[in-house]
Structures are given as structure tokens and as C-alpha cells.
């Protein structure tokens, strides 16, 4: 008895009943004095007796139920409560039916939460509903951890395009620190003022977070995220590649789209530049021509109308595997009907329809030696590590030498990629890189460099310090994945516990 039920030693055990699937322990409280919970006066005057039933730690894979006879005592202090029921700390607590068992339940639900925790507890002979498991989890007090020296800040969607929250992590240990109910500057500023000691803050290009950090921690170092810098450069490079479609498309003998949409684009270019030559501003051009301001800016960046032309964007087709066969047949018999070609390639395994083959041939795709390269594909080749492009080195070199601007673009991307490895000398290298890019005729990269100037200190810190906002993005990705698993059940009442943000999002279904 003393070994198996040693945790019940504060009670006087009177007997144990084997109930099959459960064990019932009959006990009573010792005949000692008890303190009043209000005034603290000791009393041993008994007013009556009550029976309490609590669940205890399972034994031998079976549930243990403890039935305890407790005393109701009379408080000796005049004016205090008349009677009170005695409690046994660690065994009998007020309003609790599983005092000792609660510690084990908390350990399980902290890792699994909801239904998963209830299923495991059922195997451990602890009967518990998923709602009780979740309530137990939410009652666990939050640890008062230290404020880290380096933190990462980022937002994530509680409801996309409607409600967002801010997650804060320790950028060195990747531990979750806190979750704020929105992504406003005032909320983050208040948190930073309440938690002094932060010296470095990793963030993305958000101007809201930057302003909050400047107001709350003017001496803190703000570190821009290198991934976002590379992403912005990729977007600028894609725009430059599209602007020079007429150059590299000529190298591949690829067609340039000259349909009604292209004619309208050229007409818009002439209208915008006609107004600009008269000294009209961009915003006024947009108003007069009833165009979006970004569209007017795109026309203004192109110094020649040819830079507005694009290569047709054809997706991969079911006809592509049969291109060589079609070329051979059309060379042997130029007057062959498309219907006959359709029957022939259908016998070879073609699963498309006749209209698809007609469209493929009318677009001239059957006459090309290979499917021409789209701007996005060329941008991917240009932005990929050279070691991963061994079969395509010659093609890439051929495309990047199509015009001087493409050569300068390839050199600029290659030089900026070397800056993504943090080093103390990257600050001076970045200054030289910006000067070199602005000397080239690359207007979209000029816009990228102007964005760097707006947040230059954070950019330099991101390229010279070893810290990154990548761990914060990883936390967001994991949070979003778990939130999708419990769609309809997640809310801000669940994720405010930083060390267990993932556990609190774990499905309660």
C-alpha cells in the first residue's frame, strides 16, 4: 500500500476494492486541525462529513478512483464564514476532480492537445474528452522566459486579407516568444517597450515594423531579410528580361506577339511618351489617358517601343512530344491535311483533340526546332546557381549576349548573388554594385536600387550580420499548415501561448 499509493500518504487509506476495470480506494482525512481558507484560523470542530470522489494516477493499466471522506469544520473566528470544508494540498484541491492526475494530463496535452491527447490518455487509462484536454492546456501558466537579445518579427494571416497577427521568435534559438493580436506599429512598439533588452531585430521589408522598431528601440540594429532582397531582385530581373524580349527572341528565332493587344500597347507607349515630352507628370498622364499609374510607369521606363513587345506565352502542350514527327511529315508532304496528321499521331499515342493540333500548327510551333523560351524560364535560368545549369550553359551564354543590357543584367545578378553570403566587406561591395547598376541602361534594376536606398541600413545589416528572418518564416509556414488542418476551429484564443503555438494549433478534431 505504501509503495503503490505513496502519493496518497496525506490520507488515511481504509481499504482498496478491485472493481475490474478500475480500482476504488476508500480513504479519509487525518484528524488534524485545518486552517480556514479566509481568515487562516485553525479549527478541529466538526460540523459534518462529506464524500469526495477524485481520479488518481492509473495503476496496472486500470483507472484509480479515490473516495475520500472529508470533514466540514466550523470557523472559530466571529464574523468569518460559518463552515468550511478541509482540503489536502496535492491530493484534494477545491473544484478539482483529478488533483494528482492533472500533472500527467498537462504533460500529454501540451504535446498533442485536443483529440490526439484524448486518444493517448484513453490508452493510458485516463478518461478525458477533447474539450477537457483543451481547457487543461489553456490553464497551463505561461513561463516568464528571458527576453532574447536577437528577435525575429513577421506577420501571418489569421484570416487572409482580413485579420493578421504578429509572431515574435528568438532568432538565435528559434524559440517562439509571443504572438501579438495584429500587425500594427503601435502594438509592436508597446511590446518592445514592455520587454527591454532587445538589441537586434530581424524583419522583412515592412515599413510598419521598421517604424515601430525605430520608435521603441532607436539604438537597435534592424536586419533586413536576405530572401526578400533576392526575391525583389528576381522580380526586377524578370521585368528587364521581358523588356528585352525582342533582343534574345531574335537569337532563338522566336516569334514576337504582334496581335491587337501588342498594337494597343505600342499605341499606349506613344501616347505616354508624347505627354512626357510635353512635360506632363506621370500622375497627370494616368488621369488623361485613364490608365493605372503603374501602367504609365511601365511605359515610361521603356525608352523604345520595341521594349514593350513580348514573346508569346505558350504553355507545354500535348503535341510537343510529336513535334519532330510533324516536321518530318510536313517536309515530305507539304499539302498533308491536319486531319490526317491527327490520325497518325493519335495512333502513336496522342491523347489531345483535333482543335489542339490545329491551334498548335497555326501558331507556328510545329515549325520551330524546339519550344521557344518564355521570359520566366529565361529568368529562372539566369537566377539559378551555375553549377545546376551544366547542360544549359551554352544556351544561357547565347541569350545573355543578345544585347549589352542582357550582358550587364547577367553580371549584376551574379555579383549580387555573392552578397547573400554575410561578410563584413559586403557593405562596400553593395555600394559599388549600386553604382555599377545605375550606370547601366536597366530601369527596372534602378527601381530595385531605389528600394534599397529607402532601407539601406537594414539591408547592409542583413548582408553583413549572420542573422536572418528565415526562422520566423519557418514558424509562419508551420503555423499556417497546422491552421489549415483545423480550418474553422483556429482563432486567436488558441495561439497566444508562445512556447506551444504549434501545439495549440494542433487539431482538436
Protein backbone atom coordinates (compact mmCIF):
# COMPACT_ATOMS: atom_id res chain seq x y z
CA UNK A 1 0.00 0.00 0.00
CA UNK A 2 2.76 2.47 0.93
CA UNK A 3 4.61 1.69 -2.33
CA UNK A 4 1.72 1.68 -4.84
CA UNK A 5 -0.25 4.54 -3.30
CA UNK A 6 2.61 6.54 -1.84
CA UNK A 7 1.19 9.73 -3.38
CA UNK A 8 -1.89 9.35 -1.14
CA UNK A 9 0.17 9.33 2.05
CA UNK A 10 -1.52 12.55 3.38
CA UNK A 11 -4.74 10.48 3.60
CA UNK A 12 -5.63 7.56 5.80
CA UNK A 13 -6.40 4.63 3.47
CA UNK A 14 -9.08 2.37 4.88
CA UNK A 15 -9.41 -0.13 2.06
CA UNK A 16 -8.91 -0.96 -1.63
CA UNK A 17 -11.65 -2.52 -3.79
CA UNK A 18 -10.85 -4.32 -7.04
CA UNK A 19 -13.61 -3.25 -9.42
CA UNK A 20 -12.26 -4.98 -12.54
CA UNK A 21 -11.56 -2.15 -14.94
CA UNK A 22 -10.98 0.25 -12.09
CA UNK A 23 -9.58 0.28 -8.58
CA UNK A 24 -11.51 2.08 -5.84
CA UNK A 25 -9.55 3.41 -2.86
CA UNK A 26 -11.52 4.31 0.26
CA UNK A 27 -9.81 6.86 2.50
CA UNK A 28 -10.42 9.64 4.98
CA UNK A 29 -8.61 12.77 6.05
CA UNK A 30 -6.46 12.67 9.21
CA UNK A 31 -7.91 14.04 12.43
CA UNK A 32 -5.69 17.11 12.44
CA UNK A 33 -6.65 20.73 12.64
CA UNK A 34 -7.38 22.57 9.39
CA UNK A 35 -6.98 26.26 8.55
CA UNK A 36 -9.88 28.40 7.39
CA UNK A 37 -9.30 29.45 3.75
CA UNK A 38 -10.47 33.02 4.54
CA UNK A 39 -9.04 34.06 7.90
CA UNK A 40 -6.47 31.29 8.35
CA UNK A 41 -7.66 30.35 11.86
CA UNK A 42 -7.20 26.68 12.82
CA UNK A 43 -10.20 24.59 13.74
CA UNK A 44 -10.94 20.98 14.65
CA UNK A 45 -14.62 21.41 15.48
CA UNK A 46 -16.52 19.13 13.07
CA UNK A 47 -19.78 20.33 11.59
CA UNK A 48 -20.35 17.32 9.33
CA UNK A 49 -18.83 14.91 6.82
CA UNK A 50 -18.88 14.72 3.01
CA UNK A 51 -17.67 12.24 0.43
CA UNK A 52 -15.45 13.40 -2.43
CA UNK A 53 -14.57 11.29 -5.48
CA UNK A 54 -11.39 12.12 -7.40
CA UNK A 55 -9.43 10.35 -10.13
CA UNK A 56 -5.86 9.33 -9.36
CA UNK A 57 -2.88 8.10 -11.36
CA UNK A 58 -3.67 4.72 -13.08
CA UNK A 59 -2.20 1.53 -11.68
CA UNK A 60 -1.54 -1.59 -13.76
CA UNK A 61 -3.33 -0.05 -16.75
CA UNK A 62 -6.54 0.43 -14.78
CA UNK A 63 -8.26 3.58 -13.59
CA UNK A 64 -7.93 4.53 -9.94
CA UNK A 65 -10.80 6.29 -8.17
CA UNK A 66 -10.30 7.66 -4.67
CA UNK A 67 -13.35 8.13 -2.45
CA UNK A 68 -12.39 10.33 0.48
CA UNK A 69 -14.45 11.26 3.50
CA UNK A 70 -13.68 14.87 4.32
CA UNK A 71 -14.78 16.96 7.27
CA UNK A 72 -16.71 20.21 7.23
CA UNK A 73 -15.35 22.29 10.09
CA UNK A 74 -16.66 25.33 11.94
CA UNK A 75 -14.56 28.50 11.69
CA UNK A 76 -13.78 29.83 15.22
CA UNK A 77 -13.49 33.47 14.08
CA UNK A 78 -16.59 35.57 14.71
CA UNK A 79 -17.82 37.26 11.55
CA UNK A 80 -15.93 34.90 9.22
CA UNK A 81 -17.56 32.20 7.13
CA UNK A 82 -19.59 29.78 9.23
CA UNK A 83 -18.20 26.49 7.98
CA UNK A 84 -15.57 25.31 5.51
CA UNK A 85 -14.52 22.01 4.02
CA UNK A 86 -10.95 20.92 4.61
CA UNK A 87 -8.54 20.49 1.71
CA UNK A 88 -5.42 18.34 1.36
CA UNK A 89 -2.84 20.13 -0.82
CA UNK A 90 -1.54 17.91 -3.63
CA UNK A 91 -4.37 15.40 -3.21
CA UNK A 92 -7.60 17.31 -2.73
CA UNK A 93 -7.97 20.78 -4.25
CA UNK A 94 -11.04 22.97 -4.45
CA UNK A 95 -13.23 22.29 -7.51
CA UNK A 96 -10.77 19.67 -8.81
CA UNK A 97 -11.59 16.03 -9.55
CA UNK A 98 -8.11 14.92 -10.67
CA UNK A 99 -5.54 16.66 -8.48
CA UNK A 100 -2.50 14.39 -8.85
CA UNK A 101 -3.54 13.23 -12.30
CA UNK A 102 -3.60 16.77 -13.68
CA UNK A 103 0.19 16.96 -13.96
CA UNK A 104 0.27 13.95 -16.27
CA UNK A 105 -2.68 15.21 -18.29
CA UNK A 106 -0.93 18.57 -18.77
CA UNK A 107 2.23 16.86 -19.99
CA UNK A 108 0.27 14.93 -22.64
CA UNK A 109 -1.96 17.73 -23.89
CA UNK A 110 0.97 20.13 -24.02
CA UNK A 111 2.46 17.95 -26.75
CA UNK A 112 -0.68 16.71 -28.52
CA UNK A 113 -3.69 18.82 -27.44
CA UNK A 114 -7.31 18.10 -28.39
CA UNK A 115 -8.38 14.78 -29.84
CA UNK A 116 -4.87 13.37 -30.16
CA UNK A 117 -4.23 13.95 -26.45
CA UNK A 118 -7.60 12.44 -25.51
CA UNK A 119 -6.86 9.32 -27.58
CA UNK A 120 -3.47 8.79 -25.95
CA UNK A 121 -4.86 9.40 -22.47
CA UNK A 122 -7.57 6.79 -23.13
CA UNK A 123 -4.82 4.24 -23.86
CA UNK A 124 -3.19 5.25 -20.56
CA UNK A 125 -6.48 4.52 -18.74
CA UNK A 126 -7.39 8.20 -18.28
CA UNK A 127 -10.87 9.05 -19.49
CA UNK A 128 -10.93 12.60 -20.84
CA UNK A 129 -12.84 14.43 -23.57
CA UNK A 130 -11.08 16.54 -26.18
CA UNK A 131 -12.71 19.69 -24.82
CA UNK A 132 -11.44 18.99 -21.30
CA UNK A 133 -8.00 18.32 -22.74
CA UNK A 134 -8.02 21.68 -24.50
CA UNK A 135 -9.22 23.50 -21.38
CA UNK A 136 -6.44 21.85 -19.39
CA UNK A 137 -3.94 23.04 -21.96
CA UNK A 138 -5.18 26.62 -21.80
CA UNK A 139 -4.91 26.61 -18.00
CA UNK A 140 -1.18 25.88 -18.06
CA UNK A 141 0.54 29.08 -16.86
CA UNK A 142 2.86 30.75 -19.31
CA UNK A 143 6.56 30.66 -18.49
CA UNK A 144 8.19 34.00 -17.82
CA UNK A 145 11.15 33.47 -20.09
CA UNK A 146 14.01 35.83 -20.69
CA UNK A 147 13.83 38.49 -23.37
CA UNK A 148 16.28 37.46 -26.10
CA UNK A 149 18.95 39.74 -27.45
CA UNK A 150 18.06 38.98 -31.10
CA UNK A 151 14.44 38.56 -32.17
CA UNK A 152 12.64 37.88 -35.44
CA UNK A 153 9.35 39.60 -36.29
CA UNK A 154 6.90 38.70 -39.01
CA UNK A 155 3.17 38.64 -39.66
CA UNK A 156 0.89 35.74 -40.55
CA UNK A 157 -2.73 35.56 -41.55
CA UNK A 158 -5.40 34.50 -39.10
CA UNK A 159 -7.87 35.14 -41.92
CA UNK A 160 -6.26 36.03 -45.21
CA UNK A 161 -6.81 39.64 -46.32
CA UNK A 162 -8.88 40.33 -43.20
CA UNK A 163 -7.04 39.63 -39.94
CA UNK A 164 -3.33 39.27 -39.30
CA UNK A 165 -1.21 38.60 -36.24
CA UNK A 166 2.47 39.15 -35.46
CA UNK A 167 4.76 36.37 -34.31
CA UNK A 168 7.97 37.09 -32.38
CA UNK A 169 10.71 34.49 -32.00
CA UNK A 170 14.22 34.21 -30.62
CA UNK A 171 16.33 34.50 -33.77
CA UNK A 172 19.22 32.59 -32.18
CA UNK A 173 17.38 29.61 -30.65
CA UNK A 174 14.30 29.76 -32.97
CA UNK A 175 12.07 29.61 -29.89
CA UNK A 176 8.66 31.25 -30.13
CA UNK A 177 8.39 34.19 -27.75
CA UNK A 178 5.00 35.80 -28.25
CA UNK A 179 2.09 36.33 -30.63
CA UNK A 180 0.51 39.78 -30.98
CA UNK A 181 -3.16 40.17 -32.00
CA UNK A 182 -2.48 42.37 -35.06
CA UNK A 183 0.36 43.73 -37.18
CA UNK A 184 0.14 47.43 -36.41
CA UNK A 185 3.10 49.57 -35.43
CA UNK A 186 1.55 50.61 -32.12
CA UNK A 187 1.09 47.03 -30.92
CA UNK A 188 4.67 46.03 -31.74
CA UNK A 189 6.02 49.26 -30.24
CA UNK A 190 4.14 48.62 -26.98
CA UNK A 191 5.53 45.07 -26.80
CA UNK A 192 9.10 46.23 -27.38
CA UNK A 193 8.78 48.87 -24.64
CA UNK A 194 7.43 46.27 -22.21
CA UNK A 195 10.32 43.88 -22.97
CA UNK A 196 13.58 45.83 -22.80
CA UNK A 197 16.83 44.14 -23.69
CA UNK A 198 16.35 43.57 -27.43
CA UNK A 199 19.41 44.66 -29.40
CA UNK A 200 18.85 43.19 -32.89
CA UNK A 201 15.54 42.79 -34.75
CA UNK A 202 15.25 40.68 -37.91
CA UNK A 203 12.35 41.64 -40.18
CA UNK A 204 11.26 41.75 -43.80
CA UNK A 205 10.80 44.96 -45.78
CA UNK A 206 7.71 46.03 -43.82
CA UNK A 207 7.73 49.79 -43.26
CA UNK A 208 5.23 49.34 -40.40
CA UNK A 209 7.56 47.14 -38.38
CA UNK A 210 10.52 49.36 -39.22
CA UNK A 211 8.71 52.42 -37.85
CA UNK A 212 7.68 50.60 -34.66
CA UNK A 213 11.25 49.47 -34.01
CA UNK A 214 12.64 52.97 -34.64
CA UNK A 215 10.19 54.49 -32.16
CA UNK A 216 10.62 51.89 -29.42
CA UNK A 217 14.29 50.95 -29.87
CA UNK A 218 16.14 53.74 -31.68
CA UNK A 219 19.52 52.14 -30.90
CA UNK A 220 18.55 48.60 -32.01
CA UNK A 221 20.01 47.13 -35.20
CA UNK A 222 17.39 46.26 -37.80
CA UNK A 223 18.34 43.35 -40.06
CA UNK A 224 16.65 43.05 -43.46
CA UNK A 225 15.82 39.60 -44.72
CA UNK A 226 18.15 38.36 -47.46
CA UNK A 227 15.48 36.13 -49.01
CA UNK A 228 13.20 39.11 -49.62
CA UNK A 229 16.10 41.04 -51.15
CA UNK A 230 16.74 38.20 -53.57
CA UNK A 231 13.02 37.90 -54.33
CA UNK A 232 12.77 41.60 -55.17
CA UNK A 233 15.83 41.32 -57.40
CA UNK A 234 14.25 38.34 -59.17
CA UNK A 235 11.12 40.35 -59.92
CA UNK A 236 13.19 43.25 -61.26
CA UNK A 237 15.28 40.87 -63.39
CA UNK A 238 12.13 39.28 -64.85
CA UNK A 239 10.84 42.71 -65.83
CA UNK A 240 14.16 43.51 -67.54
CA UNK A 241 14.10 40.21 -69.41
CA UNK A 242 10.56 40.92 -70.63
CA UNK A 243 11.65 44.40 -71.73
CA UNK A 244 14.42 42.88 -73.89
CA UNK A 245 12.30 40.13 -75.42
CA UNK A 246 12.94 41.44 -78.92
CA UNK A 247 16.72 41.02 -78.37
CA UNK A 248 17.00 37.47 -77.11
CA UNK A 249 13.99 36.24 -79.09
CA UNK A 250 15.87 37.15 -82.30
CA UNK A 251 18.71 34.86 -81.23
CA UNK A 252 16.30 31.93 -80.92
CA UNK A 253 14.24 32.90 -83.97
CA UNK A 254 11.27 33.03 -81.63
CA UNK A 255 8.16 34.96 -82.75
CA UNK A 256 7.16 38.27 -81.21
CA UNK A 257 3.50 38.75 -80.47
CA UNK A 258 2.05 41.28 -82.92
CA UNK A 259 -1.67 40.91 -82.39
CA UNK A 260 -4.22 43.55 -81.43
CA UNK A 261 -3.01 43.62 -77.85
CA UNK A 262 0.55 44.41 -78.98
CA UNK A 263 -0.73 47.19 -81.23
CA UNK A 264 -2.65 48.70 -78.32
CA UNK A 265 0.46 48.53 -76.16
CA UNK A 266 2.54 50.34 -78.76
CA UNK A 267 -0.15 52.98 -79.14
CA UNK A 268 -0.20 53.47 -75.36
CA UNK A 269 3.60 53.84 -75.32
CA UNK A 270 3.47 56.59 -77.93
CA UNK A 271 0.68 58.40 -76.05
CA UNK A 272 2.52 58.30 -72.73
CA UNK A 273 5.86 59.43 -74.17
CA UNK A 274 4.11 62.12 -76.18
CA UNK A 275 2.75 63.62 -72.95
CA UNK A 276 6.05 63.15 -71.12
CA UNK A 277 7.86 65.06 -73.86
CA UNK A 278 5.45 67.95 -73.22
CA UNK A 279 6.43 68.00 -69.54
CA UNK A 280 3.31 66.27 -68.22
CA UNK A 281 3.82 64.32 -64.99
CA UNK A 282 3.17 60.60 -64.58
CA UNK A 283 0.07 61.07 -62.45
CA UNK A 284 -1.43 63.56 -64.91
CA UNK A 285 -0.65 61.14 -67.77
CA UNK A 286 -2.58 58.44 -65.95
CA UNK A 287 -5.54 60.78 -65.49
CA UNK A 288 -5.63 61.98 -69.08
CA UNK A 289 -5.22 58.51 -70.62
CA UNK A 290 -7.36 56.79 -67.96
CA UNK A 291 -4.62 54.28 -67.23
CA UNK A 292 -3.31 52.88 -63.97
CA UNK A 293 -0.31 54.74 -62.58
CA UNK A 294 1.82 51.57 -62.58
CA UNK A 295 0.99 51.03 -66.27
CA UNK A 296 2.13 54.56 -67.07
CA UNK A 297 5.35 53.96 -65.11
CA UNK A 298 5.97 50.77 -67.08
CA UNK A 299 5.54 52.66 -70.37
CA UNK A 300 7.80 55.45 -69.12
CA UNK A 301 10.63 53.06 -68.21
CA UNK A 302 10.81 51.73 -71.78
CA UNK A 303 12.93 54.14 -73.82
CA UNK A 304 11.96 52.41 -77.09
CA UNK A 305 8.61 50.98 -78.16
CA UNK A 306 10.26 47.67 -79.08
CA UNK A 307 10.87 47.05 -75.37
CA UNK A 308 7.12 46.75 -74.85
CA UNK A 309 6.83 43.74 -77.19
CA UNK A 310 6.69 40.28 -75.67
CA UNK A 311 7.28 36.71 -76.72
CA UNK A 312 4.02 34.73 -76.91
CA UNK A 313 3.47 32.77 -73.74
CA UNK A 314 2.78 29.19 -74.76
CA UNK A 315 2.40 26.53 -72.16
CA UNK A 316 3.59 22.96 -72.56
CA UNK A 317 1.30 21.14 -74.98
CA UNK A 318 0.36 17.52 -75.54
CA UNK A 319 1.63 17.98 -79.11
CA UNK A 320 5.22 18.78 -78.03
CA UNK A 321 6.40 15.10 -78.00
CA UNK A 322 5.28 14.76 -81.64
CA UNK A 323 6.88 17.96 -82.98
CA UNK A 324 9.69 16.17 -84.82
CA UNK A 325 7.27 13.74 -86.43
CA UNK A 326 5.06 16.60 -87.63
CA UNK A 327 8.07 18.45 -89.07
CA UNK A 328 9.16 15.35 -90.94
CA UNK A 329 5.69 14.65 -92.36
CA UNK A 330 5.11 18.28 -93.38
CA UNK A 331 8.52 18.36 -95.05
CA UNK A 332 7.78 15.17 -97.03
CA UNK A 333 4.24 16.19 -97.95
CA UNK A 334 3.62 19.96 -97.52
CA UNK A 335 -0.05 19.64 -98.54
CA UNK A 336 -0.92 16.95 -96.00
CA UNK A 337 -4.19 17.62 -94.22
CA UNK A 338 -4.16 18.33 -90.49
CA UNK A 339 -6.85 15.70 -90.05
CA UNK A 340 -4.54 13.04 -91.48
CA UNK A 341 -1.71 14.18 -89.19
CA UNK A 342 -4.11 13.96 -86.28
CA UNK A 343 -4.98 10.35 -87.11
CA UNK A 344 -1.29 9.45 -87.46
CA UNK A 345 -0.09 10.92 -84.15
CA UNK A 346 -3.19 9.56 -82.43
CA UNK A 347 -2.03 6.09 -83.43
CA UNK A 348 1.34 6.96 -81.85
CA UNK A 349 -0.32 7.76 -78.51
CA UNK A 350 -1.53 11.38 -78.84
CA UNK A 351 -4.43 11.95 -76.44
CA UNK A 352 -5.41 15.50 -77.41
CA UNK A 353 -8.14 16.74 -79.73
CA UNK A 354 -8.09 17.92 -83.33
CA UNK A 355 -8.62 21.57 -82.37
CA UNK A 356 -5.48 21.47 -80.21
CA UNK A 357 -3.42 20.26 -83.18
CA UNK A 358 -4.92 22.94 -85.46
CA UNK A 359 -4.04 25.66 -82.93
CA UNK A 360 -0.53 24.27 -82.47
CA UNK A 361 0.21 24.34 -86.21
CA UNK A 362 -1.42 27.74 -86.80
CA UNK A 363 0.76 29.28 -84.09
CA UNK A 364 3.85 28.06 -85.92
CA UNK A 365 5.01 25.93 -83.01
CA UNK A 366 5.30 22.81 -85.19
CA UNK A 367 7.86 24.52 -87.47
CA UNK A 368 10.26 25.53 -84.66
CA UNK A 369 13.22 23.34 -83.81
CA UNK A 370 12.23 23.46 -80.17
CA UNK A 371 9.69 25.16 -77.97
CA UNK A 372 10.84 28.74 -77.52
CA UNK A 373 11.83 30.02 -74.09
CA UNK A 374 9.42 32.14 -72.08
CA UNK A 375 10.71 35.16 -70.13
CA UNK A 376 10.05 33.42 -66.82
CA UNK A 377 12.03 30.36 -67.90
CA UNK A 378 14.96 32.52 -69.00
CA UNK A 379 14.79 34.38 -65.69
CA UNK A 380 14.92 31.08 -63.84
CA UNK A 381 17.98 30.03 -65.82
CA UNK A 382 19.63 33.38 -65.13
CA UNK A 383 18.90 33.21 -61.40
CA UNK A 384 19.89 29.57 -60.85
CA UNK A 385 23.27 28.54 -59.47
CA UNK A 386 25.71 28.00 -62.35
CA UNK A 387 26.61 24.54 -61.04
CA UNK A 388 22.99 23.47 -61.55
CA UNK A 389 22.91 24.59 -65.21
CA UNK A 390 25.63 22.46 -66.75
CA UNK A 391 23.52 21.25 -69.72
CA UNK A 392 22.24 24.80 -70.39
CA UNK A 393 25.43 26.86 -70.06
CA UNK A 394 25.81 27.36 -73.82
CA UNK A 395 22.18 28.39 -74.30
CA UNK A 396 22.32 30.81 -71.39
CA UNK A 397 25.57 32.35 -72.67
CA UNK A 398 23.98 32.76 -76.10
CA UNK A 399 20.92 34.51 -74.67
CA UNK A 400 22.80 36.82 -72.30
CA UNK A 401 24.98 38.12 -75.14
CA UNK A 402 21.96 39.06 -77.26
CA UNK A 403 22.39 42.74 -76.31
CA UNK A 404 24.65 44.76 -73.97
CA UNK A 405 21.84 45.23 -71.47
CA UNK A 406 21.32 41.45 -71.10
CA UNK A 407 25.05 41.03 -70.52
CA UNK A 408 25.00 43.73 -67.84
CA UNK A 409 21.91 42.15 -66.27
CA UNK A 410 23.58 38.75 -66.03
CA UNK A 411 26.70 40.31 -64.49
CA UNK A 412 24.63 42.31 -61.99
CA UNK A 413 22.69 39.25 -60.85
CA UNK A 414 25.87 37.22 -60.49
CA UNK A 415 27.55 39.95 -58.43
CA UNK A 416 24.54 40.46 -56.16
CA UNK A 417 24.24 36.70 -55.54
CA UNK A 418 27.72 36.75 -53.99
CA UNK A 419 26.48 39.33 -51.46
CA UNK A 420 23.95 36.90 -49.98
CA UNK A 421 26.73 35.18 -48.02
CA UNK A 422 27.13 37.52 -44.97
CA UNK A 423 30.54 39.16 -44.76
CA UNK A 424 31.87 42.36 -43.22
CA UNK A 425 33.08 43.66 -46.61
CA UNK A 426 29.65 43.38 -48.21
CA UNK A 427 28.75 46.95 -47.20
CA UNK A 428 31.36 48.48 -49.52
CA UNK A 429 30.66 45.87 -52.20
CA UNK A 430 26.95 46.73 -52.13
CA UNK A 431 27.74 50.44 -52.64
CA UNK A 432 29.88 49.62 -55.67
CA UNK A 433 27.20 47.29 -57.01
CA UNK A 434 24.52 50.00 -56.79
CA UNK A 435 26.79 52.47 -58.61
CA UNK A 436 27.54 49.92 -61.32
CA UNK A 437 23.87 49.05 -61.87
CA UNK A 438 22.79 52.69 -62.08
CA UNK A 439 25.36 53.28 -64.79
CA UNK A 440 23.70 50.62 -66.96
CA UNK A 441 20.51 51.02 -69.01
CA UNK A 442 18.43 48.81 -66.69
CA UNK A 443 15.48 50.91 -65.44
CA UNK A 444 13.80 48.08 -63.51
CA UNK A 445 17.01 47.41 -61.59
CA UNK A 446 17.22 51.15 -60.95
CA UNK A 447 13.85 50.90 -59.20
CA UNK A 448 15.24 47.99 -57.16
CA UNK A 449 18.24 50.08 -56.05
CA UNK A 450 15.93 52.94 -55.03
CA UNK A 451 14.12 50.48 -52.80
CA UNK A 452 17.46 49.53 -51.24
CA UNK A 453 18.17 53.20 -50.51
CA UNK A 454 14.93 53.53 -48.54
CA UNK A 455 16.06 50.82 -46.10
CA UNK A 456 19.80 50.84 -46.67
CA UNK A 457 20.90 50.35 -43.03
CA UNK A 458 18.73 47.23 -42.62
CA UNK A 459 19.93 45.91 -46.00
CA UNK A 460 23.59 46.35 -45.05
CA UNK A 461 22.96 44.67 -41.69
CA UNK A 462 21.30 41.75 -43.47
CA UNK A 463 24.28 41.32 -45.80
CA UNK A 464 26.94 41.66 -43.09
CA UNK A 465 25.43 40.03 -39.99
CA UNK A 466 24.74 36.29 -39.64
CA UNK A 467 21.13 36.82 -38.55
CA UNK A 468 18.17 36.21 -40.82
CA UNK A 469 14.40 36.25 -40.75
CA UNK A 470 14.30 32.75 -42.20
CA UNK A 471 13.48 31.02 -38.88
CA UNK A 472 10.50 33.35 -38.45
CA UNK A 473 9.26 32.45 -41.92
CA UNK A 474 9.63 28.79 -40.99
CA UNK A 475 7.48 29.29 -37.90
CA UNK A 476 4.85 31.00 -40.04
CA UNK A 477 4.86 28.18 -42.56
CA UNK A 478 4.37 25.58 -39.85
CA UNK A 479 1.64 27.66 -38.21
CA UNK A 480 -0.25 28.05 -41.50
CA UNK A 481 -0.01 24.33 -42.22
CA UNK A 482 -1.41 23.40 -38.83
CA UNK A 483 -4.10 26.10 -39.05
CA UNK A 484 -5.30 24.64 -42.35
CA UNK A 485 -5.56 21.23 -40.72
CA UNK A 486 -8.04 22.62 -38.20
CA UNK A 487 -9.85 25.02 -40.53
CA UNK A 488 -12.83 26.51 -38.77
CA UNK A 489 -11.51 25.87 -35.25
CA UNK A 490 -8.45 28.13 -35.11
CA UNK A 491 -8.68 31.56 -33.55
CA UNK A 492 -6.59 33.98 -31.58
CA UNK A 493 -7.86 32.38 -28.35
CA UNK A 494 -5.83 29.32 -29.26
CA UNK A 495 -2.38 30.58 -30.33
CA UNK A 496 -1.39 33.15 -27.68
CA UNK A 497 0.85 30.66 -25.82
CA UNK A 498 4.24 31.22 -27.48
CA UNK A 499 6.14 28.08 -26.40
CA UNK A 500 3.22 25.95 -27.52
CA UNK A 501 1.95 27.86 -30.53
CA UNK A 502 2.15 24.75 -32.68
CA UNK A 503 0.59 22.54 -30.01
CA UNK A 504 -2.28 24.96 -29.56
CA UNK A 505 -2.90 24.94 -33.27
CA UNK A 506 -2.78 21.14 -33.43
CA UNK A 507 -6.16 19.85 -34.46
CA UNK A 508 -8.72 19.43 -31.76
CA UNK A 509 -10.85 17.46 -34.18
